[in-house]
Amino acid sequence: DENYAFEELVAEICAAMLCASAGVTSSPRPDHAKYIENWLKALKNDKRFIFSASAQAQKAADYIFGASQPTALAA
């Protein structure tokens, strides 16, 4: 399903952004090949698929980064 593939891609891109920001490296899992297959199918149907997913991933990462910022306590 193309919607599920979109959600998968948003999550993977966001995770990559968060890991890169934190200096965390990871190795690809064997099931990533299946995800890539789904993303390629969706990309054939919608040339903006990767751009839309990247934009959503950036919004999610920005939200997480914003939520993780320490806030000053009022005295």
N, C-alpha and C. Protein backbone atom coordinates (compact mmCIF):
# COMPACT_ATOMS: atom_id res chain seq x y z
N ASP A 1 0.85 -1.18 0.00
CA ASP A 1 0.00 0.00 0.00
C ASP A 1 0.89 1.24 0.00
N GLU A 2 0.55 2.16 -0.89
CA GLU A 2 1.38 3.36 -1.06
C GLU A 2 1.37 4.25 0.19
N ASN A 3 0.25 4.33 0.89
CA ASN A 3 0.19 5.14 2.11
C ASN A 3 1.11 4.58 3.18
N TYR A 4 1.11 3.26 3.31
CA TYR A 4 1.98 2.62 4.30
C TYR A 4 3.44 2.83 3.92
N ALA A 5 3.76 2.72 2.64
CA ALA A 5 5.13 2.95 2.18
C ALA A 5 5.56 4.38 2.50
N PHE A 6 4.63 5.33 2.34
CA PHE A 6 4.93 6.73 2.66
C PHE A 6 5.25 6.88 4.15
N GLU A 7 4.42 6.29 4.99
CA GLU A 7 4.65 6.36 6.44
C GLU A 7 5.99 5.72 6.82
N GLU A 8 6.30 4.59 6.20
CA GLU A 8 7.58 3.91 6.46
C GLU A 8 8.74 4.83 6.11
N LEU A 9 8.64 5.46 4.94
CA LEU A 9 9.73 6.31 4.48
C LEU A 9 9.89 7.54 5.37
N VAL A 10 8.80 8.15 5.78
CA VAL A 10 8.87 9.30 6.69
C VAL A 10 9.57 8.88 7.98
N ALA A 11 9.18 7.75 8.53
CA ALA A 11 9.79 7.27 9.78
C ALA A 11 11.28 6.99 9.60
N GLU A 12 11.65 6.36 8.50
CA GLU A 12 13.06 6.03 8.27
C GLU A 12 13.91 7.28 8.07
N ILE A 13 13.40 8.25 7.31
CA ILE A 13 14.15 9.48 7.08
C ILE A 13 14.29 10.25 8.39
N CYS A 14 13.20 10.34 9.15
CA CYS A 14 13.25 11.04 10.44
C CYS A 14 14.24 10.35 11.37
N ALA A 15 14.22 9.04 11.43
CA ALA A 15 15.16 8.30 12.28
C ALA A 15 16.60 8.58 11.85
N ALA A 16 16.84 8.63 10.56
CA ALA A 16 18.19 8.92 10.06
C ALA A 16 18.62 10.32 10.47
N MET A 17 17.69 11.29 10.39
CA MET A 17 18.00 12.66 10.80
C MET A 17 18.35 12.72 12.29
N LEU A 18 17.54 12.06 13.10
CA LEU A 18 17.76 12.07 14.55
C LEU A 18 19.07 11.38 14.90
N CYS A 19 19.34 10.24 14.27
CA CYS A 19 20.60 9.52 14.53
C CYS A 19 21.80 10.36 14.11
N ALA A 20 21.71 10.99 12.96
CA ALA A 20 22.82 11.83 12.48
C ALA A 20 23.07 12.98 13.45
N SER A 21 22.00 13.58 13.94
CA SER A 21 22.13 14.70 14.87
C SER A 21 22.77 14.26 16.18
N ALA A 22 22.45 13.05 16.61
CA ALA A 22 22.97 12.54 17.88
C ALA A 22 24.32 11.83 17.72
N GLY A 23 24.79 11.69 16.49
CA GLY A 23 26.05 11.01 16.25
C GLY A 23 25.96 9.50 16.37
N VAL A 24 24.75 8.98 16.21
CA VAL A 24 24.52 7.54 16.30
C VAL A 24 24.63 6.93 14.91
N THR A 25 25.38 5.86 14.79
CA THR A 25 25.45 5.15 13.52
C THR A 25 24.76 3.80 13.67
N SER A 26 24.22 3.31 12.59
CA SER A 26 23.56 2.02 12.64
C SER A 26 23.83 1.27 11.35
N SER A 27 23.60 -0.02 11.39
CA SER A 27 23.75 -0.86 10.21
C SER A 27 22.37 -1.16 9.65
N PRO A 28 22.26 -1.23 8.34
CA PRO A 28 20.95 -1.57 7.75
C PRO A 28 20.50 -2.96 8.20
N ARG A 29 19.20 -3.10 8.40
CA ARG A 29 18.64 -4.39 8.76
C ARG A 29 18.25 -5.11 7.47
N PRO A 30 18.17 -6.44 7.51
CA PRO A 30 17.79 -7.19 6.30
C PRO A 30 16.43 -6.80 5.74
N ASP A 31 15.49 -6.39 6.60
CA ASP A 31 14.16 -6.05 6.10
C ASP A 31 14.12 -4.70 5.40
N HIS A 32 15.19 -3.92 5.46
CA HIS A 32 15.22 -2.64 4.75
C HIS A 32 15.10 -2.83 3.24
N ALA A 33 15.59 -3.93 2.71
CA ALA A 33 15.48 -4.18 1.27
C ALA A 33 14.02 -4.25 0.84
N LYS A 34 13.18 -4.85 1.65
CA LYS A 34 11.75 -4.93 1.33
C LYS A 34 11.12 -3.54 1.37
N TYR A 35 11.51 -2.73 2.35
CA TYR A 35 11.01 -1.36 2.42
C TYR A 35 11.39 -0.59 1.16
N ILE A 36 12.63 -0.71 0.75
CA ILE A 36 13.11 0.01 -0.43
C ILE A 36 12.31 -0.39 -1.66
N GLU A 37 11.99 -1.66 -1.76
CA GLU A 37 11.18 -2.14 -2.89
C GLU A 37 9.82 -1.42 -2.90
N ASN A 38 9.20 -1.29 -1.74
CA ASN A 38 7.91 -0.59 -1.65
C ASN A 38 8.05 0.89 -2.00
N TRP A 39 9.12 1.52 -1.53
CA TRP A 39 9.34 2.94 -1.81
C TRP A 39 9.55 3.17 -3.31
N LEU A 40 10.28 2.28 -3.95
CA LEU A 40 10.52 2.43 -5.39
C LEU A 40 9.22 2.31 -6.19
N LYS A 41 8.35 1.39 -5.77
CA LYS A 41 7.05 1.26 -6.44
C LYS A 41 6.25 2.55 -6.29
N ALA A 42 6.24 3.10 -5.09
CA ALA A 42 5.49 4.34 -4.85
C ALA A 42 6.10 5.50 -5.63
N LEU A 43 7.42 5.54 -5.71
CA LEU A 43 8.10 6.61 -6.43
C LEU A 43 7.78 6.58 -7.92
N LYS A 44 7.59 5.39 -8.47
CA LYS A 44 7.22 5.28 -9.88
C LYS A 44 5.85 5.90 -10.14
N ASN A 45 4.97 5.84 -9.14
CA ASN A 45 3.62 6.40 -9.28
C ASN A 45 3.56 7.88 -8.96
N ASP A 46 4.50 8.37 -8.16
CA ASP A 46 4.48 9.77 -7.72
C ASP A 46 5.91 10.27 -7.63
N LYS A 47 6.31 11.08 -8.57
CA LYS A 47 7.70 11.57 -8.62
C LYS A 47 8.04 12.48 -7.45
N ARG A 48 7.04 13.02 -6.77
CA ARG A 48 7.30 13.90 -5.62
C ARG A 48 7.28 13.13 -4.30
N PHE A 49 7.10 11.83 -4.37
CA PHE A 49 6.99 10.97 -3.18
C PHE A 49 8.13 11.20 -2.20
N ILE A 50 9.36 11.19 -2.69
CA ILE A 50 10.53 11.33 -1.81
C ILE A 50 10.57 12.72 -1.20
N PHE A 51 10.19 13.73 -1.96
CA PHE A 51 10.22 15.10 -1.45
C PHE A 51 9.14 15.31 -0.39
N SER A 52 7.97 14.76 -0.62
CA SER A 52 6.88 14.87 0.36
C SER A 52 7.24 14.14 1.64
N ALA A 53 7.81 12.95 1.50
CA ALA A 53 8.21 12.18 2.68
C ALA A 53 9.32 12.89 3.45
N SER A 54 10.27 13.46 2.74
CA SER A 54 11.37 14.18 3.38
C SER A 54 10.86 15.40 4.13
N ALA A 55 9.92 16.11 3.54
CA ALA A 55 9.34 17.29 4.20
C ALA A 55 8.62 16.89 5.49
N GLN A 56 7.86 15.81 5.43
CA GLN A 56 7.16 15.34 6.63
C GLN A 56 8.15 14.86 7.69
N ALA A 57 9.21 14.20 7.26
CA ALA A 57 10.24 13.73 8.19
C ALA A 57 10.92 14.91 8.87
N GLN A 58 11.19 15.97 8.11
CA GLN A 58 11.81 17.16 8.69
C GLN A 58 10.89 17.81 9.72
N LYS A 59 9.60 17.86 9.43
CA LYS A 59 8.64 18.41 10.39
C LYS A 59 8.63 17.58 11.67
N ALA A 60 8.65 16.27 11.53
CA ALA A 60 8.66 15.39 12.70
C ALA A 60 9.94 15.58 13.51
N ALA A 61 11.07 15.64 12.83
CA ALA A 61 12.35 15.84 13.52
C ALA A 61 12.38 17.19 14.22
N ASP A 62 11.89 18.23 13.56
CA ASP A 62 11.84 19.56 14.18
C ASP A 62 10.98 19.53 15.43
N TYR A 63 9.86 18.82 15.36
CA TYR A 63 8.97 18.71 16.52
C TYR A 63 9.70 18.00 17.67
N ILE A 64 10.36 16.91 17.35
CA ILE A 64 11.08 16.16 18.38
C ILE A 64 12.21 16.99 18.96
N PHE A 65 12.97 17.66 18.11
CA PHE A 65 14.05 18.51 18.59
C PHE A 65 13.50 19.63 19.47
N GLY A 66 12.39 20.21 19.07
CA GLY A 66 11.77 21.28 19.86
C GLY A 66 11.27 20.78 21.20
N ALA A 67 10.70 19.59 21.21
CA ALA A 67 10.18 19.01 22.44
C ALA A 67 11.29 18.60 23.39
N SER A 68 12.48 18.37 22.85
CA SER A 68 13.58 17.91 23.71
C SER A 68 14.42 19.05 24.25
N GLN A 69 14.09 20.29 23.87
CA GLN A 69 14.85 21.43 24.36
C GLN A 69 14.48 21.69 25.81
N PRO A 70 15.49 21.86 26.67
CA PRO A 70 15.17 22.16 28.07
C PRO A 70 14.51 23.53 28.18
N THR A 71 13.57 23.64 29.07
CA THR A 71 12.91 24.92 29.28
C THR A 71 13.34 25.49 30.62
N ALA A 72 13.45 26.78 30.67
CA ALA A 72 13.84 27.44 31.92
C ALA A 72 12.65 27.46 32.87
N LEU A 73 12.92 27.17 34.11
CA LEU A 73 11.87 27.20 35.12
C LEU A 73 11.79 28.60 35.71
N ALA A 74 10.59 29.07 35.89
CA ALA A 74 10.41 30.39 36.50
C ALA A 74 10.70 30.30 37.99
N ALA A 75 11.37 31.31 38.50
CA ALA A 75 11.73 31.31 39.93
C ALA A 75 10.57 31.75 40.78
